[in-house]
Amino acid sequence: MKNKLIKFIEENAIDLCTKGSNLNGQCCILSGFALHFGYTEADILIQDLVDNRIDGAQDSEVQNELCRVFEYAKKNNYEAYWDTNEAHVNYNF
């Protein structure tokens, strides 16, 4: 699971060093993808990002945004998007 996450981040140029609405967008993409591939808790996702030295993952603002967005994405079924043709056209995974 962790390898798929890192590969996804690299191949889709997910950037956690952005700010404001750009960071929110990156967190939405990452949270939905992570949920689709089996992550159930934001803390586990964040730890995997930190362990793999993903740029920005150690920043408390990024971690707070990921926690907030992850819970929202979980409640609103964001993982379902990744089963669509649109997701396969727009992202490499």
Protein backbone atom coordinates (compact mmCIF):
# COMPACT_ATOMS: atom_id res chain seq x y z
CA MET A 1 0.00 0.00 0.00
CA LYS A 2 2.79 2.41 0.93
CA ASN A 3 4.62 1.83 -2.37
CA LYS A 4 1.46 2.63 -4.35
CA LEU A 5 1.06 5.85 -2.39
CA ILE A 6 4.64 7.00 -3.01
CA LYS A 7 4.47 6.05 -6.68
CA PHE A 8 1.19 7.98 -7.02
CA ILE A 9 2.69 11.09 -5.41
CA GLU A 10 5.74 10.99 -7.66
CA GLU A 11 3.95 10.20 -10.92
CA ASN A 12 1.27 12.83 -10.39
CA ALA A 13 3.48 15.58 -8.97
CA ILE A 14 1.47 15.87 -5.76
CA ASP A 15 2.94 18.88 -3.97
CA LEU A 16 2.43 19.27 -0.24
CA CYS A 17 4.62 22.38 -0.11
CA THR A 18 1.86 24.60 -1.48
CA LYS A 19 -0.35 26.89 0.60
CA GLY A 20 -4.02 27.82 0.91
CA SER A 21 -6.45 26.41 -1.61
CA ASN A 22 -3.64 24.71 -3.54
CA LEU A 23 -2.72 22.71 -0.45
CA ASN A 24 -6.37 21.87 0.08
CA GLY A 25 -6.64 20.55 -3.47
CA GLN A 26 -3.53 18.42 -3.11
CA CYS A 27 -4.86 17.03 0.19
CA CYS A 28 -8.22 16.21 -1.42
CA ILE A 29 -6.54 14.27 -4.21
CA LEU A 30 -4.20 12.47 -1.84
CA SER A 31 -6.91 11.68 0.72
CA GLY A 32 -9.31 10.23 -1.84
CA PHE A 33 -6.57 8.13 -3.40
CA ALA A 34 -5.35 6.92 0.01
CA LEU A 35 -8.88 5.93 1.03
CA HIS A 36 -9.32 4.06 -2.25
CA PHE A 37 -6.20 2.04 -1.58
CA GLY A 38 -7.08 1.10 1.97
CA TYR A 39 -5.93 3.82 4.33
CA THR A 40 -8.49 4.23 7.10
CA GLU A 41 -6.85 6.84 9.33
CA ALA A 42 -5.17 10.14 8.49
CA ASP A 43 -2.47 9.52 11.11
CA ILE A 44 -1.30 6.38 9.30
CA LEU A 45 -1.22 8.25 6.00
CA ILE A 46 0.79 11.10 7.53
CA GLN A 47 3.24 8.71 9.17
CA ASP A 48 3.84 6.96 5.83
CA LEU A 49 4.45 10.33 4.16
CA VAL A 50 6.90 11.37 6.90
CA ASP A 51 8.65 7.98 6.87
CA ASN A 52 9.17 8.29 3.12
CA ARG A 53 10.44 11.87 3.42
CA ILE A 54 7.76 13.36 1.21
CA ASP A 55 8.43 17.11 0.98
CA GLY A 56 6.12 19.06 3.25
CA ALA A 57 4.86 16.05 5.21
CA GLN A 58 6.51 17.16 8.45
CA ASP A 59 4.91 20.61 8.33
CA SER A 60 2.20 20.94 10.99
CA GLU A 61 0.00 23.00 8.63
CA VAL A 62 0.12 20.18 6.07
CA GLN A 63 -0.62 17.55 8.70
CA ASN A 64 -3.57 19.53 10.07
CA GLU A 65 -4.98 20.04 6.58
CA LEU A 66 -4.55 16.36 5.73
CA CYS A 67 -6.35 15.32 8.92
CA ARG A 68 -9.21 17.71 8.25
CA VAL A 69 -9.57 16.83 4.57
CA PHE A 70 -9.10 13.09 5.12
CA GLU A 71 -12.03 12.93 7.55
CA TYR A 72 -14.21 14.97 5.18
CA ALA A 73 -13.20 12.76 2.25
CA LYS A 74 -13.95 9.64 4.27
CA LYS A 75 -17.44 10.86 5.19
CA ASN A 76 -18.17 11.92 1.62
CA ASN A 77 -16.94 8.80 -0.21
CA TYR A 78 -14.07 10.45 -2.09
CA GLU A 79 -12.52 7.04 -2.67
CA ALA A 80 -15.28 6.19 -5.18
CA TYR A 81 -13.85 8.68 -7.70
CA TRP A 82 -10.82 6.46 -8.19
CA ASP A 83 -12.98 3.72 -9.74
CA THR A 84 -14.07 6.03 -12.55
CA ASN A 85 -12.71 6.31 -16.07
CA GLU A 86 -12.13 10.00 -15.41
CA ALA A 87 -9.67 9.22 -12.62
CA HIS A 88 -7.76 6.82 -14.87
CA VAL A 89 -7.54 9.47 -17.59
CA ASN A 90 -6.48 12.29 -15.24
CA TYR A 91 -4.04 10.46 -12.97
CA ASN A 92 -1.39 7.77 -13.20
CA PHE A 93 -2.04 4.85 -10.85
